Amino acid sequence: MQNGFTTATPLNEIQQMGLEALLERLGPIGMIRFLQQFETGSGNYTAERDTWITETNLDKLVAKSDPPAKPG
């Protein structure tokens, strides 16, 4: 048991040990930044992208944009 757990150690205990190690080594902000790298998100990007691409054209984008700022 060199590393603090065995194959019989429950996964929730391993997770807790990992979080404690990250917190100790990286501090709270570093731990959060590290964990954010593994956030999976949600939805189906490919399907949403295809919908966005087929439903959007230059005229629609221009209509949605803010008017140009007046100089001076």
C-alpha atoms as a PDB file:
ATOM      1  CA  MET A   1       0.000   0.000   0.000  1.00  0.00           C
ATOM      2  CA  GLN A   2       2.731   2.455  -1.023  1.00  0.00           C
ATOM      3  CA  ASN A   3       0.418   4.963  -2.691  1.00  0.00           C
ATOM      4  CA  GLY A   4      -2.284   5.022   0.011  1.00  0.00           C
ATOM      5  CA  PHE A   5      -4.860   2.764  -1.638  1.00  0.00           C
ATOM      6  CA  THR A   6      -5.429  -0.757  -2.880  1.00  0.00           C
ATOM      7  CA  THR A   7      -7.640  -2.263  -5.569  1.00  0.00           C
ATOM      8  CA  ALA A   8     -10.257  -2.714  -2.828  1.00  0.00           C
ATOM      9  CA  THR A   9     -10.328   0.997  -1.986  1.00  0.00           C
ATOM     10  CA  PRO A  10     -13.704   2.445  -3.005  1.00  0.00           C
ATOM     11  CA  LEU A  11     -13.607   4.918  -5.898  1.00  0.00           C
ATOM     12  CA  ASN A  12     -15.133   7.695  -3.800  1.00  0.00           C
ATOM     13  CA  GLU A  13     -12.200   7.418  -1.375  1.00  0.00           C
ATOM     14  CA  ILE A  14      -9.705   7.547  -4.245  1.00  0.00           C
ATOM     15  CA  GLN A  15     -11.504  10.602  -5.620  1.00  0.00           C
ATOM     16  CA  GLN A  16     -11.369  12.292  -2.218  1.00  0.00           C
ATOM     17  CA  MET A  17      -7.659  11.513  -1.866  1.00  0.00           C
ATOM     18  CA  GLY A  18      -7.047  12.918  -5.347  1.00  0.00           C
ATOM     19  CA  LEU A  19      -8.893  16.140  -4.596  1.00  0.00           C
ATOM     20  CA  GLU A  20      -6.971  16.555  -1.348  1.00  0.00           C
ATOM     21  CA  ALA A  21      -3.674  15.998  -3.186  1.00  0.00           C
ATOM     22  CA  LEU A  22      -4.599  18.547  -5.860  1.00  0.00           C
ATOM     23  CA  LEU A  23      -5.628  21.075  -3.230  1.00  0.00           C
ATOM     24  CA  GLU A  24      -2.424  20.557  -1.260  1.00  0.00           C
ATOM     25  CA  ARG A  25      -0.153  20.752  -4.295  1.00  0.00           C
ATOM     26  CA  LEU A  26      -1.915  23.378  -6.440  1.00  0.00           C
ATOM     27  CA  GLY A  27      -3.936  25.403  -3.943  1.00  0.00           C
ATOM     28  CA  PRO A  28      -7.649  26.126  -4.382  1.00  0.00           C
ATOM     29  CA  ILE A  29      -7.406  28.200  -7.581  1.00  0.00           C
ATOM     30  CA  GLY A  30      -4.939  25.838  -9.244  1.00  0.00           C
ATOM     31  CA  MET A  31      -7.100  22.864  -8.333  1.00  0.00           C
ATOM     32  CA  ILE A  32     -10.181  24.472  -9.885  1.00  0.00           C
ATOM     33  CA  ARG A  33      -8.286  25.422 -13.047  1.00  0.00           C
ATOM     34  CA  PHE A  34      -6.946  21.886 -13.347  1.00  0.00           C
ATOM     35  CA  LEU A  35     -10.387  20.314 -12.891  1.00  0.00           C
ATOM     36  CA  GLN A  36     -11.985  22.686 -15.412  1.00  0.00           C
ATOM     37  CA  GLN A  37      -9.819  21.125 -18.133  1.00  0.00           C
ATOM     38  CA  PHE A  38     -11.885  17.953 -17.860  1.00  0.00           C
ATOM     39  CA  GLU A  39     -15.383  19.458 -17.954  1.00  0.00           C
ATOM     40  CA  THR A  40     -17.307  17.639 -20.656  1.00  0.00           C
ATOM     41  CA  GLY A  41     -19.964  20.217 -21.438  1.00  0.00           C
ATOM     42  CA  SER A  42     -23.347  19.266 -22.804  1.00  0.00           C
ATOM     43  CA  GLY A  43     -25.314  19.065 -26.015  1.00  0.00           C
ATOM     44  CA  ASN A  44     -24.350  17.936 -29.485  1.00  0.00           C
ATOM     45  CA  TYR A  45     -21.926  20.479 -30.912  1.00  0.00           C
ATOM     46  CA  THR A  46     -21.912  18.941 -34.393  1.00  0.00           C
ATOM     47  CA  ALA A  47     -25.691  19.012 -34.789  1.00  0.00           C
ATOM     48  CA  GLU A  48     -25.932  22.508 -33.312  1.00  0.00           C
ATOM     49  CA  ARG A  49     -23.145  23.729 -35.588  1.00  0.00           C
ATOM     50  CA  ASP A  50     -24.819  22.295 -38.674  1.00  0.00           C
ATOM     51  CA  THR A  51     -28.072  24.039 -37.728  1.00  0.00           C
ATOM     52  CA  TRP A  52     -26.297  27.315 -37.082  1.00  0.00           C
ATOM     53  CA  ILE A  53     -24.389  27.170 -40.362  1.00  0.00           C
ATOM     54  CA  THR A  54     -27.425  26.330 -42.501  1.00  0.00           C
ATOM     55  CA  GLU A  55     -29.675  28.931 -40.838  1.00  0.00           C
ATOM     56  CA  THR A  56     -27.190  31.805 -40.838  1.00  0.00           C
ATOM     57  CA  ASN A  57     -26.037  33.979 -43.684  1.00  0.00           C
ATOM     58  CA  LEU A  58     -24.229  37.288 -43.996  1.00  0.00           C
ATOM     59  CA  ASP A  59     -27.441  39.326 -44.246  1.00  0.00           C
ATOM     60  CA  LYS A  60     -28.755  37.874 -40.975  1.00  0.00           C
ATOM     61  CA  LEU A  61     -25.452  38.533 -39.204  1.00  0.00           C
ATOM     62  CA  VAL A  62     -25.351  42.132 -40.406  1.00  0.00           C
ATOM     63  CA  ALA A  63     -28.971  42.664 -39.304  1.00  0.00           C
ATOM     64  CA  LYS A  64     -28.146  41.355 -35.807  1.00  0.00           C
ATOM     65  CA  SER A  65     -24.982  43.410 -35.417  1.00  0.00           C
ATOM     66  CA  ASP A  66     -24.761  46.815 -33.807  1.00  0.00           C
ATOM     67  CA  PRO A  67     -24.594  49.777 -36.146  1.00  0.00           C
ATOM     68  CA  PRO A  68     -21.099  51.152 -36.701  1.00  0.00           C
ATOM     69  CA  ALA A  69     -19.942  53.703 -34.147  1.00  0.00           C
ATOM     70  CA  LYS A  70     -20.021  57.296 -35.314  1.00  0.00           C
ATOM     71  CA  PRO A  71     -16.551  58.845 -35.504  1.00  0.00           C
ATOM     72  CA  GLY A  72     -15.693  61.611 -33.089  1.00  0.00           C
END
